[in-house]
């Protein structure tokens, strides 16, 4: 029995050290050297503190900011520790009620906007934390944001168009706009930062 137990314990200890200490240390070290921003959460710094991450949606509700996609995390919106989808199917009445309420909130915030509401402004993403909007969803908000900021619509539209990220490698995903980065551009354009 001891002849079988000793090699098993030796292998357990060796693999524990390799997979539990050596491998994570090597991967972390390489990530810090090769991709330091990504390895540290893709944080956007504002002075001496983090303003947010380009990977996690931020809750914006002021009419002078672009609003993010609705979050499915609860009880706090855009809680990275609670990443989840809503799990409401297309025939679920709760989804219909939520979408209807979100459309109404958009119309209350911008009563003159009669354009069709883009779906990603009223539905959550699979993770519940999507930091991006479609270009159509960002452009839909231009009149409200421009009016609230006292900026010409053309200038705000140009900010959106400059922030559109193309498909990854020209074929993966869809064009998108990072809402946090767009709102930071907006703050700079309005003289707020």
C-alpha atoms as a PDB file:
ATOM      1  CA  UNK A   1       0.000   0.000   0.000  1.00  0.00           C
ATOM      2  CA  UNK A   2       2.823   2.390   0.884  1.00  0.00           C
ATOM      3  CA  UNK A   3       4.424   1.634  -2.481  1.00  0.00           C
ATOM      4  CA  UNK A   4       1.295   2.984  -4.216  1.00  0.00           C
ATOM      5  CA  UNK A   5       0.628   5.847  -1.843  1.00  0.00           C
ATOM      6  CA  UNK A   6       4.058   7.491  -2.037  1.00  0.00           C
ATOM      7  CA  UNK A   7       4.084   8.072  -5.872  1.00  0.00           C
ATOM      8  CA  UNK A   8       0.461   9.235  -5.762  1.00  0.00           C
ATOM      9  CA  UNK A   9       1.209  11.827  -3.069  1.00  0.00           C
ATOM     10  CA  UNK A  10       4.378  12.918  -4.878  1.00  0.00           C
ATOM     11  CA  UNK A  11       2.458  13.452  -8.121  1.00  0.00           C
ATOM     12  CA  UNK A  12      -0.321  15.285  -6.257  1.00  0.00           C
ATOM     13  CA  UNK A  13       2.209  17.644  -4.683  1.00  0.00           C
ATOM     14  CA  UNK A  14       4.099  18.166  -7.960  1.00  0.00           C
ATOM     15  CA  UNK A  15       0.971  18.898 -10.008  1.00  0.00           C
ATOM     16  CA  UNK A  16      -0.404  21.123  -7.267  1.00  0.00           C
ATOM     17  CA  UNK A  17       2.741  23.237  -7.378  1.00  0.00           C
ATOM     18  CA  UNK A  18       2.844  23.294 -11.193  1.00  0.00           C
ATOM     19  CA  UNK A  19      -0.839  24.004 -11.842  1.00  0.00           C
ATOM     20  CA  UNK A  20      -1.579  25.979  -8.692  1.00  0.00           C
ATOM     21  CA  UNK A  21       1.538  28.157  -8.417  1.00  0.00           C
ATOM     22  CA  UNK A  22       3.937  27.988 -11.368  1.00  0.00           C
ATOM     23  CA  UNK A  23       1.440  28.123 -14.247  1.00  0.00           C
ATOM     24  CA  UNK A  24      -0.675  31.006 -12.796  1.00  0.00           C
ATOM     25  CA  UNK A  25       2.486  32.975 -11.965  1.00  0.00           C
ATOM     26  CA  UNK A  26       3.871  32.547 -15.506  1.00  0.00           C
ATOM     27  CA  UNK A  27       0.554  33.474 -17.176  1.00  0.00           C
ATOM     28  CA  UNK A  28       0.070  36.485 -14.886  1.00  0.00           C
ATOM     29  CA  UNK A  29       3.636  37.650 -15.489  1.00  0.00           C
ATOM     30  CA  UNK A  30       3.304  37.322 -19.268  1.00  0.00           C
ATOM     31  CA  UNK A  31      -0.035  39.142 -19.229  1.00  0.00           C
ATOM     32  CA  UNK A  32       1.413  41.996 -17.165  1.00  0.00           C
ATOM     33  CA  UNK A  33       4.324  42.347 -19.605  1.00  0.00           C
ATOM     34  CA  UNK A  34       2.525  41.819 -22.917  1.00  0.00           C
ATOM     35  CA  UNK A  35      -0.979  43.196 -22.226  1.00  0.00           C
ATOM     36  CA  UNK A  36      -0.893  45.236 -18.998  1.00  0.00           C
ATOM     37  CA  UNK A  37      -4.096  47.257 -19.589  1.00  0.00           C
ATOM     38  CA  UNK A  38      -6.152  44.170 -20.380  1.00  0.00           C
ATOM     39  CA  UNK A  39      -4.589  42.171 -17.552  1.00  0.00           C
ATOM     40  CA  UNK A  40      -5.673  44.856 -15.101  1.00  0.00           C
ATOM     41  CA  UNK A  41      -9.299  45.035 -16.224  1.00  0.00           C
ATOM     42  CA  UNK A  42      -9.139  47.551 -19.098  1.00  0.00           C
ATOM     43  CA  UNK A  43      -9.719  50.371 -16.628  1.00  0.00           C
ATOM     44  CA  UNK A  44     -10.074  54.005 -17.676  1.00  0.00           C
ATOM     45  CA  UNK A  45      -8.287  56.266 -15.221  1.00  0.00           C
ATOM     46  CA  UNK A  46      -9.405  59.773 -14.362  1.00  0.00           C
ATOM     47  CA  UNK A  47      -6.680  61.382 -12.353  1.00  0.00           C
ATOM     48  CA  UNK A  48      -5.925  59.166  -9.371  1.00  0.00           C
ATOM     49  CA  UNK A  49      -9.014  56.927  -9.582  1.00  0.00           C
ATOM     50  CA  UNK A  50     -10.707  54.567 -12.037  1.00  0.00           C
ATOM     51  CA  UNK A  51     -13.701  55.933 -13.938  1.00  0.00           C
ATOM     52  CA  UNK A  52     -14.784  52.506 -15.140  1.00  0.00           C
ATOM     53  CA  UNK A  53     -13.837  49.627 -17.373  1.00  0.00           C
ATOM     54  CA  UNK A  54     -14.275  49.431 -21.115  1.00  0.00           C
ATOM     55  CA  UNK A  55     -15.462  45.845 -20.582  1.00  0.00           C
ATOM     56  CA  UNK A  56     -18.347  46.480 -18.167  1.00  0.00           C
ATOM     57  CA  UNK A  57     -21.426  48.616 -18.765  1.00  0.00           C
ATOM     58  CA  UNK A  58     -21.929  51.721 -16.654  1.00  0.00           C
ATOM     59  CA  UNK A  59     -25.319  53.030 -15.515  1.00  0.00           C
ATOM     60  CA  UNK A  60     -26.000  56.469 -17.033  1.00  0.00           C
ATOM     61  CA  UNK A  61     -29.391  58.103 -16.482  1.00  0.00           C
ATOM     62  CA  UNK A  62     -28.740  61.825 -16.900  1.00  0.00           C
ATOM     63  CA  UNK A  63     -30.321  63.190 -20.132  1.00  0.00           C
ATOM     64  CA  UNK A  64     -26.974  64.807 -20.991  1.00  0.00           C
ATOM     65  CA  UNK A  65     -25.240  61.430 -21.270  1.00  0.00           C
ATOM     66  CA  UNK A  66     -25.660  58.522 -23.622  1.00  0.00           C
ATOM     67  CA  UNK A  67     -27.535  55.761 -21.840  1.00  0.00           C
ATOM     68  CA  UNK A  68     -26.177  52.242 -21.782  1.00  0.00           C
ATOM     69  CA  UNK A  69     -28.006  49.092 -22.628  1.00  0.00           C
ATOM     70  CA  UNK A  70     -30.299  47.998 -19.769  1.00  0.00           C
ATOM     71  CA  UNK A  71     -28.608  45.775 -17.220  1.00  0.00           C
ATOM     72  CA  UNK A  72     -29.987  42.438 -16.063  1.00  0.00           C
ATOM     73  CA  UNK A  73     -27.950  42.370 -12.865  1.00  0.00           C
ATOM     74  CA  UNK A  74     -29.825  42.772  -9.609  1.00  0.00           C
ATOM     75  CA  UNK A  75     -30.261  44.394  -7.206  1.00  0.00           C
ATOM     76  CA  UNK A  76     -27.711  46.911  -8.560  1.00  0.00           C
ATOM     77  CA  UNK A  77     -27.430  47.710 -12.280  1.00  0.00           C
ATOM     78  CA  UNK A  78     -24.162  46.799 -14.021  1.00  0.00           C
ATOM     79  CA  UNK A  79     -22.861  44.821 -11.040  1.00  0.00           C
ATOM     80  CA  UNK A  80     -19.894  42.850 -12.398  1.00  0.00           C
ATOM     81  CA  UNK A  81     -20.139  40.400  -9.506  1.00  0.00           C
ATOM     82  CA  UNK A  82     -23.653  39.417 -10.636  1.00  0.00           C
ATOM     83  CA  UNK A  83     -23.256  38.920 -14.382  1.00  0.00           C
ATOM     84  CA  UNK A  84     -26.374  37.290 -15.745  1.00  0.00           C
ATOM     85  CA  UNK A  85     -28.984  37.519 -18.444  1.00  0.00           C
ATOM     86  CA  UNK A  86     -32.623  38.116 -17.622  1.00  0.00           C
ATOM     87  CA  UNK A  87     -33.654  34.605 -18.760  1.00  0.00           C
ATOM     88  CA  UNK A  88     -36.967  36.024 -19.995  1.00  0.00           C
ATOM     89  CA  UNK A  89     -38.059  34.399 -23.238  1.00  0.00           C
ATOM     90  CA  UNK A  90     -39.786  36.254 -26.088  1.00  0.00           C
ATOM     91  CA  UNK A  91     -43.228  35.012 -25.033  1.00  0.00           C
ATOM     92  CA  UNK A  92     -42.801  35.992 -21.375  1.00  0.00           C
ATOM     93  CA  UNK A  93     -45.205  38.802 -20.366  1.00  0.00           C
ATOM     94  CA  UNK A  94     -42.581  40.191 -17.955  1.00  0.00           C
ATOM     95  CA  UNK A  95     -40.236  40.828 -20.891  1.00  0.00           C
ATOM     96  CA  UNK A  96     -43.005  42.591 -22.814  1.00  0.00           C
ATOM     97  CA  UNK A  97     -43.785  44.764 -19.776  1.00  0.00           C
ATOM     98  CA  UNK A  98     -40.111  45.612 -19.222  1.00  0.00           C
ATOM     99  CA  UNK A  99     -39.569  46.555 -22.874  1.00  0.00           C
ATOM    100  CA  UNK A 100     -42.759  48.640 -22.907  1.00  0.00           C
ATOM    101  CA  UNK A 101     -41.654  50.511 -19.755  1.00  0.00           C
ATOM    102  CA  UNK A 102     -38.195  51.155 -21.230  1.00  0.00           C
ATOM    103  CA  UNK A 103     -39.681  52.486 -24.473  1.00  0.00           C
ATOM    104  CA  UNK A 104     -41.964  54.772 -22.472  1.00  0.00           C
ATOM    105  CA  UNK A 105     -38.980  56.054 -20.430  1.00  0.00           C
ATOM    106  CA  UNK A 106     -37.127  56.863 -23.662  1.00  0.00           C
ATOM    107  CA  UNK A 107     -40.166  58.724 -25.011  1.00  0.00           C
ATOM    108  CA  UNK A 108     -40.570  60.675 -21.750  1.00  0.00           C
ATOM    109  CA  UNK A 109     -36.876  61.664 -21.851  1.00  0.00           C
ATOM    110  CA  UNK A 110     -37.112  62.740 -25.508  1.00  0.00           C
ATOM    111  CA  UNK A 111     -40.768  63.313 -26.486  1.00  0.00           C
ATOM    112  CA  UNK A 112     -39.887  64.801 -29.879  1.00  0.00           C
ATOM    113  CA  UNK A 113     -37.984  61.736 -31.037  1.00  0.00           C
ATOM    114  CA  UNK A 114     -40.349  59.716 -33.227  1.00  0.00           C
ATOM    115  CA  UNK A 115     -37.690  57.414 -34.691  1.00  0.00           C
ATOM    116  CA  UNK A 116     -38.082  53.677 -34.043  1.00  0.00           C
ATOM    117  CA  UNK A 117     -36.370  52.678 -30.791  1.00  0.00           C
ATOM    118  CA  UNK A 118     -33.401  50.343 -31.433  1.00  0.00           C
ATOM    119  CA  UNK A 119     -33.841  46.975 -29.727  1.00  0.00           C
ATOM    120  CA  UNK A 120     -30.602  47.166 -27.750  1.00  0.00           C
ATOM    121  CA  UNK A 121     -31.850  50.257 -25.883  1.00  0.00           C
ATOM    122  CA  UNK A 122     -34.731  48.276 -24.397  1.00  0.00           C
ATOM    123  CA  UNK A 123     -33.367  44.720 -24.041  1.00  0.00           C
ATOM    124  CA  UNK A 124     -30.553  43.336 -21.919  1.00  0.00           C
ATOM    125  CA  UNK A 125     -27.557  41.427 -23.242  1.00  0.00           C
ATOM    126  CA  UNK A 126     -26.691  37.841 -22.387  1.00  0.00           C
ATOM    127  CA  UNK A 127     -24.215  38.935 -19.719  1.00  0.00           C
ATOM    128  CA  UNK A 128     -26.309  41.813 -18.421  1.00  0.00           C
ATOM    129  CA  UNK A 129     -23.155  43.961 -18.487  1.00  0.00           C
ATOM    130  CA  UNK A 130     -22.688  44.907 -22.137  1.00  0.00           C
ATOM    131  CA  UNK A 131     -20.607  48.122 -22.382  1.00  0.00           C
ATOM    132  CA  UNK A 132     -21.539  48.654 -26.041  1.00  0.00           C
ATOM    133  CA  UNK A 133     -24.502  49.900 -28.022  1.00  0.00           C
ATOM    134  CA  UNK A 134     -25.187  49.562 -31.701  1.00  0.00           C
ATOM    135  CA  UNK A 135     -24.410  52.698 -33.716  1.00  0.00           C
ATOM    136  CA  UNK A 136     -28.178  53.039 -34.312  1.00  0.00           C
ATOM    137  CA  UNK A 137     -28.866  53.066 -30.558  1.00  0.00           C
ATOM    138  CA  UNK A 138     -26.213  55.726 -29.951  1.00  0.00           C
ATOM    139  CA  UNK A 139     -27.398  57.853 -32.872  1.00  0.00           C
ATOM    140  CA  UNK A 140     -31.006  57.578 -31.616  1.00  0.00           C
ATOM    141  CA  UNK A 141     -29.927  59.421 -28.459  1.00  0.00           C
ATOM    142  CA  UNK A 142     -28.106  62.291 -30.226  1.00  0.00           C
ATOM    143  CA  UNK A 143     -31.027  64.796 -30.188  1.00  0.00           C
ATOM    144  CA  UNK A 144     -31.659  64.345 -26.444  1.00  0.00           C
ATOM    145  CA  UNK A 145     -27.991  64.552 -25.496  1.00  0.00           C
ATOM    146  CA  UNK A 146     -27.327  67.563 -27.746  1.00  0.00           C
ATOM    147  CA  UNK A 147     -30.334  69.431 -26.350  1.00  0.00           C
ATOM    148  CA  UNK A 148     -29.398  68.646 -22.718  1.00  0.00           C
ATOM    149  CA  UNK A 149     -25.781  69.725 -23.308  1.00  0.00           C
ATOM    150  CA  UNK A 150     -26.590  72.757 -25.441  1.00  0.00           C
ATOM    151  CA  UNK A 151     -24.391  71.384 -28.227  1.00  0.00           C
ATOM    152  CA  UNK A 152     -25.169  71.241 -31.953  1.00  0.00           C
ATOM    153  CA  UNK A 153     -26.545  67.843 -33.000  1.00  0.00           C
ATOM    154  CA  UNK A 154     -23.930  67.627 -35.756  1.00  0.00           C
ATOM    155  CA  UNK A 155     -21.131  67.859 -33.194  1.00  0.00           C
ATOM    156  CA  UNK A 156     -22.642  65.153 -30.973  1.00  0.00           C
ATOM    157  CA  UNK A 157     -23.336  62.951 -34.027  1.00  0.00           C
ATOM    158  CA  UNK A 158     -19.683  63.360 -35.060  1.00  0.00           C
ATOM    159  CA  UNK A 159     -18.598  62.149 -31.599  1.00  0.00           C
ATOM    160  CA  UNK A 160     -20.721  59.023 -32.030  1.00  0.00           C
ATOM    161  CA  UNK A 161     -19.423  58.348 -35.526  1.00  0.00           C
ATOM    162  CA  UNK A 162     -15.817  58.792 -34.396  1.00  0.00           C
ATOM    163  CA  UNK A 163     -16.348  56.275 -31.589  1.00  0.00           C
ATOM    164  CA  UNK A 164     -17.848  53.488 -33.771  1.00  0.00           C
ATOM    165  CA  UNK A 165     -15.709  50.367 -33.512  1.00  0.00           C
ATOM    166  CA  UNK A 166     -15.734  48.220 -36.639  1.00  0.00           C
ATOM    167  CA  UNK A 167     -16.077  44.454 -36.724  1.00  0.00           C
ATOM    168  CA  UNK A 168     -13.156  42.635 -35.123  1.00  0.00           C
ATOM    169  CA  UNK A 169     -10.772  41.489 -37.879  1.00  0.00           C
ATOM    170  CA  UNK A 170     -13.317  42.883 -40.338  1.00  0.00           C
ATOM    171  CA  UNK A 171     -15.699  39.946 -39.871  1.00  0.00           C
ATOM    172  CA  UNK A 172     -16.385  39.132 -36.207  1.00  0.00           C
ATOM    173  CA  UNK A 173     -19.219  40.762 -34.297  1.00  0.00           C
ATOM    174  CA  UNK A 174     -21.105  43.877 -35.271  1.00  0.00           C
ATOM    175  CA  UNK A 175     -20.135  47.552 -35.339  1.00  0.00           C
ATOM    176  CA  UNK A 176     -20.487  48.977 -31.835  1.00  0.00           C
ATOM    177  CA  UNK A 177     -20.017  52.051 -29.669  1.00  0.00           C
ATOM    178  CA  UNK A 178     -18.488  51.884 -26.191  1.00  0.00           C
ATOM    179  CA  UNK A 179     -20.824  54.046 -24.078  1.00  0.00           C
ATOM    180  CA  UNK A 180     -18.281  54.931 -21.362  1.00  0.00           C
ATOM    181  CA  UNK A 181     -15.706  56.107 -23.905  1.00  0.00           C
ATOM    182  CA  UNK A 182     -18.370  58.048 -25.818  1.00  0.00           C
ATOM    183  CA  UNK A 183     -19.533  59.805 -22.660  1.00  0.00           C
ATOM    184  CA  UNK A 184     -15.945  60.692 -21.781  1.00  0.00           C
ATOM    185  CA  UNK A 185     -15.547  62.178 -25.266  1.00  0.00           C
ATOM    186  CA  UNK A 186     -18.760  64.095 -24.685  1.00  0.00           C
ATOM    187  CA  UNK A 187     -17.461  65.503 -21.390  1.00  0.00           C
ATOM    188  CA  UNK A 188     -14.316  66.730 -23.120  1.00  0.00           C
ATOM    189  CA  UNK A 189     -16.327  68.236 -25.999  1.00  0.00           C
ATOM    190  CA  UNK A 190     -18.617  70.050 -23.568  1.00  0.00           C
ATOM    191  CA  UNK A 191     -15.633  71.359 -21.597  1.00  0.00           C
ATOM    192  CA  UNK A 192     -16.331  69.153 -18.589  1.00  0.00           C
ATOM    193  CA  UNK A 193     -13.062  67.275 -18.470  1.00  0.00           C
END
